[in-house]
Amino acid sequence: MVIPRNEVKWNMYYVYILKSEKIKKYYSGVTDNLKRRLKEHNSGNSNFTSWSGPYKLVWYSVFNNKEKAYSFEKYLKSSSGFAFRNKRLI
């Protein structure tokens, strides 16, 4: 059975890095809707970033596997992930 292209549901997960314009620090996260999540960060509706916005999107990557996206986000928040981020992504 062939499923028509317009009926295929793609689950996409975005791992992203934001930079605070106010304090010049970085924040990384995962979402399934990048535009909505960026609006939440910049409107103060996010617990971890409400006090340090506005934010600018500096990097993102798309995953079609939720576990891999969360695993990569966890790596970015590790000490070796910080080094990788600073050398290769930003």
Protein backbone atom coordinates (compact mmCIF):
# COMPACT_ATOMS: atom_id res chain seq x y z
CA MET A 1 0.00 0.00 0.00
CA VAL A 2 1.34 3.39 -0.99
CA ILE A 3 0.41 6.38 1.13
CA PRO A 4 0.02 9.63 -0.82
CA ARG A 5 2.71 12.15 0.01
CA ASN A 6 0.25 14.76 1.30
CA GLU A 7 -1.13 12.25 3.84
CA VAL A 8 2.20 11.33 5.41
CA LYS A 9 2.61 12.79 8.91
CA TRP A 10 6.21 13.66 9.67
CA ASN A 11 7.16 14.04 13.30
CA MET A 12 9.92 16.60 13.47
CA TYR A 13 11.85 17.61 16.56
CA TYR A 14 14.09 20.66 16.68
CA VAL A 15 17.16 20.94 18.88
CA TYR A 16 17.95 24.64 19.09
CA ILE A 17 20.37 27.11 20.61
CA LEU A 18 19.30 30.58 21.63
CA LYS A 19 21.46 33.51 22.70
CA SER A 20 20.20 35.99 25.26
CA GLU A 21 20.52 39.55 24.00
CA LYS A 22 20.43 40.76 27.61
CA ILE A 23 23.05 38.61 29.38
CA LYS A 24 24.89 37.12 26.35
CA LYS A 25 24.42 33.51 27.50
CA TYR A 26 23.22 30.49 25.53
CA TYR A 27 20.23 28.22 26.09
CA SER A 28 19.55 24.93 24.31
CA GLY A 29 16.28 23.04 24.11
CA VAL A 30 14.04 20.69 22.13
CA THR A 31 10.62 21.32 20.65
CA ASP A 32 8.27 20.04 17.97
CA ASN A 33 7.29 23.61 16.98
CA LEU A 34 10.25 25.96 16.74
CA LYS A 35 8.33 29.16 15.88
CA ARG A 36 5.95 28.72 18.79
CA ARG A 37 8.74 27.90 21.23
CA LEU A 38 10.80 30.93 20.24
CA LYS A 39 7.74 33.13 20.80
CA GLU A 40 7.28 31.55 24.25
CA HIS A 41 10.89 32.30 25.19
CA ASN A 42 10.64 35.91 24.02
CA SER A 43 7.27 36.60 25.64
CA GLY A 44 8.40 35.40 29.08
CA ASN A 45 6.24 32.25 29.06
CA SER A 46 9.17 29.91 29.71
CA ASN A 47 10.27 29.26 33.29
CA PHE A 48 13.98 28.99 32.55
CA THR A 49 14.33 31.97 30.23
CA SER A 50 11.65 34.46 31.26
CA TRP A 51 14.09 36.73 33.12
CA SER A 52 16.89 36.92 30.54
CA GLY A 53 15.25 37.61 27.16
CA PRO A 54 14.95 38.65 24.43
CA TYR A 55 16.48 35.69 22.63
CA LYS A 56 17.91 35.23 19.18
CA LEU A 57 17.94 31.84 17.44
CA VAL A 58 21.57 31.09 16.56
CA TRP A 59 21.42 27.42 15.52
CA TYR A 60 18.99 24.52 15.10
CA SER A 61 18.88 20.99 13.76
CA VAL A 62 15.91 18.80 12.80
CA PHE A 63 15.46 15.20 13.96
CA ASN A 64 12.74 12.75 12.97
CA ASN A 65 13.34 10.69 16.12
CA LYS A 66 12.29 12.13 19.49
CA GLU A 67 14.77 10.10 21.54
CA LYS A 68 17.72 11.16 19.36
CA ALA A 69 16.69 14.82 19.62
CA TYR A 70 16.54 14.66 23.43
CA SER A 71 19.79 12.73 23.54
CA PHE A 72 21.56 15.39 21.46
CA GLU A 73 20.12 18.18 23.62
CA LYS A 74 21.43 16.38 26.72
CA TYR A 75 24.85 16.12 25.07
CA LEU A 76 24.85 19.87 24.27
CA LYS A 77 24.27 20.58 27.97
CA SER A 78 27.28 18.47 29.00
CA SER A 79 30.82 19.85 29.34
CA SER A 80 31.99 18.21 26.11
CA GLY A 81 28.78 19.43 24.44
CA PHE A 82 29.59 23.01 25.50
CA ALA A 83 33.00 22.67 23.84
CA PHE A 84 31.44 21.20 20.67
CA ARG A 85 28.81 23.96 20.59
CA ASN A 86 31.38 26.72 20.97
CA LYS A 87 33.77 25.28 18.40
CA ARG A 88 31.39 23.96 15.74
CA LEU A 89 27.87 25.40 16.08
CA ILE A 90 28.03 29.04 17.10
